[in-house]
Amino acid sequence: MKDNGMKIVITGKGGVGKSTIASLLAHSLIKRGYKVLALDEDPQMNLAYSLGLSVDKIKNITPLNCAYDYIEEKTGAKPGSSWGAFFKLNPDVSDVIDRFGININDKLGLLVMGTVKKAAAGCLCPENVLLDKVMNQLALMKGETIIMDTQAGVEHFGRAIAKGFGHCIVVADPTFNAISVAQYIAGLARQIDIPNVYLLINKLTEKHHDKVQKISQQLGLNIDAVFDEQLSIPYFEEIYYDEPDISKFLEINRSLNNSISLLMEEILNKDVVIK
């Protein structure tokens, strides 16, 4: 087991199964003895459901980007106020896990980040400053795997919130739009120096293999050149009967377990030191 920790960002077009993959990977790593901190950057909190939290508990969660009193306490400016140009650019967020982290079990924690709804690339506002500082603070942790589930789209790359991550799993289903977005995301991941970028085709059936190749040709996409590895997760109709909590499905479905294990082995075999 690596003792320097790992940081994994999971991204892709909306609806391709990012939260499902994040949850399955988290539970698989825990079985291997890793301690996992899951970060949910999607304000809809899909990851919280996938990890097995009850609806009642999720209703009581305040995403960090909506913790206005905390943001004001740390930066000196409340979101939406007339703060001008005067607020702290380097707030102390060392207490963020204690105050906002959720212990799902002794090996799995969750921090619901949320995102800045009106932020654009380079937006300087109290919410962005706080969230970016939290990500930098978490980067210093050792012996812990961080898995960040992102909202649909690429705004997290525009804000460089994923900068410093060692692994980027770009999830796509076997459709033109999803693979096109994956190609674009891979380029953004390289721009912020993420060293390992994987293409994970989710919901893949036997008849889709030729379709993925055809789409790649249409896009002029050389998968082997753009991505470090290409992996796939087969389509499992049963998983949709168990959602949103799909953690137990990993235990009873050997094929899915094998697919997630292959992904995990690719990540574990890459020696990336958190900076």
Protein backbone atom coordinates (compact mmCIF):
# COMPACT_ATOMS: atom_id res chain seq x y z
CA MET A 1 0.00 0.00 0.00
CA LYS A 2 1.30 3.45 -0.84
CA ASP A 3 1.76 5.70 2.15
CA ASN A 4 1.90 8.99 0.27
CA GLY A 5 -1.78 9.04 -0.57
CA MET A 6 -3.56 9.33 -3.90
CA LYS A 7 -5.85 11.93 -5.44
CA ILE A 8 -8.32 10.78 -8.08
CA VAL A 9 -10.76 13.03 -9.95
CA ILE A 10 -13.69 11.46 -11.78
CA THR A 11 -15.23 13.54 -14.52
CA GLY A 12 -17.19 13.38 -17.76
CA LYS A 13 -20.45 14.33 -19.43
CA GLY A 14 -23.62 14.32 -17.35
CA GLY A 15 -25.44 11.02 -16.99
CA VAL A 16 -22.53 8.70 -17.77
CA GLY A 17 -22.29 7.24 -14.25
CA LYS A 18 -19.57 9.28 -12.55
CA SER A 19 -21.05 8.99 -9.06
CA THR A 20 -21.58 5.25 -9.49
CA ILE A 21 -17.95 4.75 -10.52
CA ALA A 22 -16.71 6.95 -7.67
CA SER A 23 -18.70 4.96 -5.12
CA LEU A 24 -17.62 1.58 -6.48
CA LEU A 25 -13.98 2.63 -6.58
CA ALA A 26 -14.15 3.99 -3.03
CA HIS A 27 -15.60 0.77 -1.64
CA SER A 28 -13.11 -1.33 -3.59
CA LEU A 29 -10.17 0.66 -2.21
CA ILE A 30 -11.52 0.35 1.32
CA LYS A 31 -11.56 -3.43 0.96
CA ARG A 32 -7.86 -3.20 0.15
CA GLY A 33 -7.19 -1.37 3.38
CA TYR A 34 -7.17 2.21 2.15
CA LYS A 35 -8.82 5.08 3.98
CA VAL A 36 -10.91 7.13 1.54
CA LEU A 37 -12.14 10.69 1.65
CA ALA A 38 -14.84 11.21 -0.99
CA LEU A 39 -15.38 14.75 -2.26
CA ASP A 40 -18.69 15.59 -3.89
CA GLU A 41 -18.36 18.65 -6.13
CA ASP A 42 -21.87 18.22 -7.51
CA PRO A 43 -24.47 20.32 -5.63
CA GLN A 44 -27.07 17.60 -6.32
CA MET A 45 -25.11 15.37 -3.90
CA ASN A 46 -25.46 12.23 -6.03
CA LEU A 47 -22.32 10.75 -4.54
CA ALA A 48 -23.78 10.86 -1.02
CA TYR A 49 -26.67 8.70 -2.23
CA SER A 50 -24.36 6.28 -4.06
CA LEU A 51 -22.19 5.84 -0.98
CA GLY A 52 -25.22 4.69 0.99
CA LEU A 53 -26.27 7.70 3.07
CA SER A 54 -29.98 7.83 3.84
CA VAL A 55 -32.23 10.51 2.41
CA ASP A 56 -32.83 11.93 5.88
CA LYS A 57 -29.12 12.36 6.55
CA ILE A 58 -28.52 13.91 3.14
CA LYS A 59 -31.25 16.48 3.76
CA ASN A 60 -29.21 17.79 6.69
CA ILE A 61 -25.99 18.25 4.69
CA THR A 62 -24.88 21.79 3.95
CA PRO A 63 -22.57 21.90 0.91
CA LEU A 64 -19.45 23.88 1.63
CA ASN A 65 -20.23 26.45 -1.06
CA CYS A 66 -23.51 27.19 0.75
CA ALA A 67 -21.94 27.50 4.21
CA TYR A 68 -22.09 31.29 4.00
CA ASP A 69 -21.23 31.91 7.64
CA TYR A 70 -18.14 29.69 7.32
CA ILE A 71 -17.07 31.39 4.09
CA GLU A 72 -17.44 34.79 5.73
CA GLU A 73 -15.61 33.61 8.85
CA LYS A 74 -12.66 32.37 6.83
CA THR A 75 -12.43 34.92 4.01
CA GLY A 76 -13.98 37.99 5.64
CA ALA A 77 -16.66 38.27 2.94
CA LYS A 78 -20.10 36.69 2.65
CA PRO A 79 -21.04 35.40 -0.82
CA GLY A 80 -23.32 37.79 -2.67
CA SER A 81 -22.40 40.76 -0.51
CA SER A 82 -20.73 43.93 -1.70
CA TRP A 83 -17.28 42.77 -0.68
CA GLY A 84 -15.30 44.68 -3.31
CA ALA A 85 -11.70 43.57 -3.55
CA PHE A 86 -10.99 43.10 0.15
CA PHE A 87 -11.07 39.55 1.51
CA LYS A 88 -8.55 36.95 2.59
CA LEU A 89 -6.94 35.08 -0.30
CA ASN A 90 -5.28 32.50 1.94
CA PRO A 91 -7.87 31.46 4.56
CA ASP A 92 -7.14 28.86 7.23
CA VAL A 93 -9.40 25.88 6.47
CA SER A 94 -7.64 23.29 8.62
CA ASP A 95 -10.90 22.66 10.51
CA VAL A 96 -13.03 21.97 7.43
CA ILE A 97 -13.14 18.18 7.84
CA ASP A 98 -14.00 18.40 11.54
CA ARG A 99 -16.81 20.87 10.90
CA PHE A 100 -18.24 19.64 7.60
CA GLY A 101 -16.92 16.11 7.06
CA ILE A 102 -19.30 13.15 7.39
CA ASN A 103 -18.05 9.81 8.70
CA ILE A 104 -19.83 7.07 6.77
CA ASN A 105 -17.68 4.46 8.51
CA ASP A 106 -14.20 4.29 10.04
CA LYS A 107 -12.59 4.03 6.59
CA LEU A 108 -14.84 6.28 4.53
CA GLY A 109 -15.50 9.99 4.91
CA LEU A 110 -17.45 12.43 2.78
CA LEU A 111 -17.10 16.16 2.22
CA VAL A 112 -19.78 17.81 0.08
CA MET A 113 -18.06 20.68 -1.65
CA GLY A 114 -20.71 21.98 -4.01
CA THR A 115 -19.62 24.34 -6.73
CA VAL A 116 -19.81 28.03 -7.54
CA LYS A 117 -22.89 28.40 -9.73
CA LYS A 118 -21.92 31.64 -11.45
CA ALA A 119 -18.17 31.23 -11.52
CA ALA A 120 -16.20 31.43 -14.72
CA ALA A 121 -12.57 30.59 -15.34
CA GLY A 122 -10.43 32.66 -13.07
CA CYS A 123 -13.35 34.12 -11.10
CA LEU A 124 -12.08 35.67 -7.90
CA CYS A 125 -14.81 35.44 -5.28
CA PRO A 126 -14.99 34.24 -1.66
CA GLU A 127 -16.55 30.89 -2.63
CA ASN A 128 -13.82 30.08 -5.15
CA VAL A 129 -11.05 31.16 -2.80
CA LEU A 130 -12.40 28.95 -0.02
CA LEU A 131 -13.00 25.86 -2.18
CA ASP A 132 -9.61 26.15 -3.85
CA LYS A 133 -7.88 26.53 -0.49
CA VAL A 134 -9.69 23.44 0.80
CA MET A 135 -8.41 21.45 -2.17
CA ASN A 136 -4.84 22.65 -1.52
CA GLN A 137 -5.16 21.79 2.17
CA LEU A 138 -6.41 18.28 1.40
CA ALA A 139 -3.49 17.80 -0.96
CA LEU A 140 -1.19 17.81 2.04
CA MET A 141 -2.80 14.80 3.68
CA LYS A 142 -0.80 11.59 3.67
CA GLY A 143 -1.87 7.96 3.67
CA GLU A 144 -5.37 8.76 2.45
CA THR A 145 -7.02 8.36 -0.91
CA ILE A 146 -9.09 11.31 -2.10
CA ILE A 147 -11.76 10.64 -4.72
CA MET A 148 -13.52 13.69 -6.16
CA ASP A 149 -16.79 13.26 -8.03
CA THR A 150 -17.40 16.30 -10.22
CA GLN A 151 -20.48 17.94 -11.62
CA ALA A 152 -21.22 17.57 -15.31
CA GLY A 153 -19.10 19.73 -17.56
CA VAL A 154 -15.59 21.14 -17.30
CA GLU A 155 -15.90 24.12 -14.92
CA HIS A 156 -13.69 22.41 -12.32
CA PHE A 157 -10.86 22.43 -14.87
CA GLY A 158 -11.51 26.08 -15.73
CA ARG A 159 -11.04 26.89 -12.04
CA ALA A 160 -8.21 24.36 -11.82
CA ILE A 161 -9.83 22.83 -8.74
CA ALA A 162 -8.48 19.45 -9.87
CA LYS A 163 -4.90 20.75 -10.12
CA GLY A 164 -2.58 18.58 -8.07
CA PHE A 165 -4.52 15.38 -8.66
CA GLY A 166 -2.48 12.40 -9.79
CA HIS A 167 -5.23 10.55 -11.63
CA CYS A 168 -8.13 11.65 -13.83
CA ILE A 169 -10.78 9.07 -14.75
CA VAL A 170 -12.82 10.39 -17.66
CA VAL A 171 -16.08 8.46 -17.78
CA ALA A 172 -18.04 8.16 -21.00
CA ASP A 173 -20.83 5.95 -22.24
CA PRO A 174 -20.60 4.63 -25.81
CA THR A 175 -22.14 7.71 -27.44
CA PHE A 176 -20.69 10.37 -29.72
CA ASN A 177 -21.36 13.27 -27.35
CA ALA A 178 -19.88 11.54 -24.30
CA ILE A 179 -16.70 10.48 -26.08
CA SER A 180 -16.36 13.92 -27.67
CA VAL A 181 -16.56 15.53 -24.22
CA ALA A 182 -14.06 12.96 -22.90
CA GLN A 183 -11.58 13.93 -25.60
CA TYR A 184 -11.89 17.60 -24.64
CA ILE A 185 -11.57 16.89 -20.92
CA ALA A 186 -8.40 14.87 -21.49
CA GLY A 187 -6.79 17.93 -23.05
CA LEU A 188 -7.79 20.10 -20.09
CA ALA A 189 -6.46 17.53 -17.64
CA ARG A 190 -3.08 17.62 -19.38
CA GLN A 191 -3.05 21.42 -19.26
CA ILE A 192 -3.18 21.35 -15.46
CA ASP A 193 -0.51 18.62 -15.37
CA ILE A 194 -2.52 15.61 -14.24
CA PRO A 195 -0.04 12.85 -15.13
CA ASN A 196 -2.41 9.89 -15.53
CA VAL A 197 -5.59 10.24 -17.58
CA TYR A 198 -7.83 7.23 -18.17
CA LEU A 199 -10.79 6.74 -20.48
CA LEU A 200 -13.43 4.59 -18.82
CA ILE A 201 -16.27 3.50 -21.12
CA ASN A 202 -19.23 2.77 -18.88
CA LYS A 203 -22.39 0.77 -19.72
CA LEU A 204 -20.57 -1.10 -22.49
CA THR A 205 -22.28 -4.01 -24.25
CA GLU A 206 -20.82 -6.38 -26.84
CA LYS A 207 -22.47 -4.54 -29.72
CA HIS A 208 -20.94 -1.23 -28.60
CA HIS A 209 -17.27 -2.16 -29.18
CA ASP A 210 -17.40 -1.38 -32.91
CA LYS A 211 -19.39 1.79 -32.18
CA VAL A 212 -16.64 3.17 -29.91
CA GLN A 213 -14.08 2.60 -32.66
CA LYS A 214 -16.34 4.26 -35.23
CA ILE A 215 -16.89 7.30 -33.00
CA SER A 216 -13.15 7.60 -32.40
CA GLN A 217 -12.55 7.65 -36.15
CA GLN A 218 -15.23 10.31 -36.64
CA LEU A 219 -13.60 12.48 -33.98
CA GLY A 220 -10.08 11.86 -35.22
CA LEU A 221 -9.38 10.52 -31.74
CA ASN A 222 -6.37 8.29 -31.17
CA ILE A 223 -7.34 6.88 -27.79
CA ASP A 224 -3.93 5.35 -27.14
CA ALA A 225 -2.24 8.70 -27.74
CA VAL A 226 -4.67 10.85 -25.75
CA PHE A 227 -5.28 8.57 -22.77
CA ASP A 228 -2.83 6.54 -20.70
CA GLU A 229 -5.26 3.63 -20.48
CA GLN A 230 -8.66 2.67 -21.85
CA LEU A 231 -10.87 0.52 -19.65
CA SER A 232 -14.54 -0.41 -19.63
CA ILE A 233 -17.39 -1.32 -17.31
CA PRO A 234 -20.03 -3.65 -18.77
CA TYR A 235 -23.69 -2.67 -18.75
CA PHE A 236 -25.47 -4.17 -15.75
CA GLU A 237 -29.23 -3.71 -15.79
CA GLU A 238 -29.44 -5.00 -12.21
CA ILE A 239 -27.45 -2.08 -10.87
CA TYR A 240 -30.30 0.30 -11.68
CA TYR A 241 -32.65 -1.66 -9.45
CA ASP A 242 -30.31 -1.14 -6.49
CA GLU A 243 -29.51 2.53 -7.01
CA PRO A 244 -28.93 4.97 -5.53
CA ASP A 245 -27.00 2.85 -2.98
CA ILE A 246 -25.05 0.45 -5.16
CA SER A 247 -22.27 -0.44 -2.69
CA LYS A 248 -23.58 -3.96 -2.03
CA PHE A 249 -23.80 -4.71 -5.76
CA LEU A 250 -20.01 -4.80 -5.92
CA GLU A 251 -19.96 -7.67 -3.45
CA ILE A 252 -22.42 -9.89 -5.30
CA ASN A 253 -21.44 -9.27 -8.94
CA ARG A 254 -18.11 -10.85 -9.81
CA SER A 255 -17.92 -9.35 -13.30
CA LEU A 256 -18.36 -5.80 -11.99
CA ASN A 257 -15.90 -6.48 -9.19
CA ASN A 258 -13.33 -7.64 -11.74
CA SER A 259 -13.86 -4.54 -13.89
CA ILE A 260 -13.42 -2.17 -10.94
CA SER A 261 -10.38 -4.17 -9.78
CA LEU A 262 -8.73 -3.70 -13.18
CA LEU A 263 -9.26 0.05 -12.93
CA MET A 264 -7.92 0.06 -9.40
CA GLU A 265 -4.83 -1.92 -10.35
CA GLU A 266 -4.03 0.56 -13.13
CA ILE A 267 -4.16 3.39 -10.61
CA LEU A 268 -2.23 1.58 -7.89
CA ASN A 269 0.53 0.65 -10.32
CA LYS A 270 1.18 4.32 -11.08
CA ASP A 271 3.55 5.86 -8.56
CA VAL A 272 2.37 9.45 -8.16
CA VAL A 273 3.47 11.57 -5.23
CA ILE A 274 1.01 14.17 -3.95
CA LYS A 275 2.55 17.61 -3.99
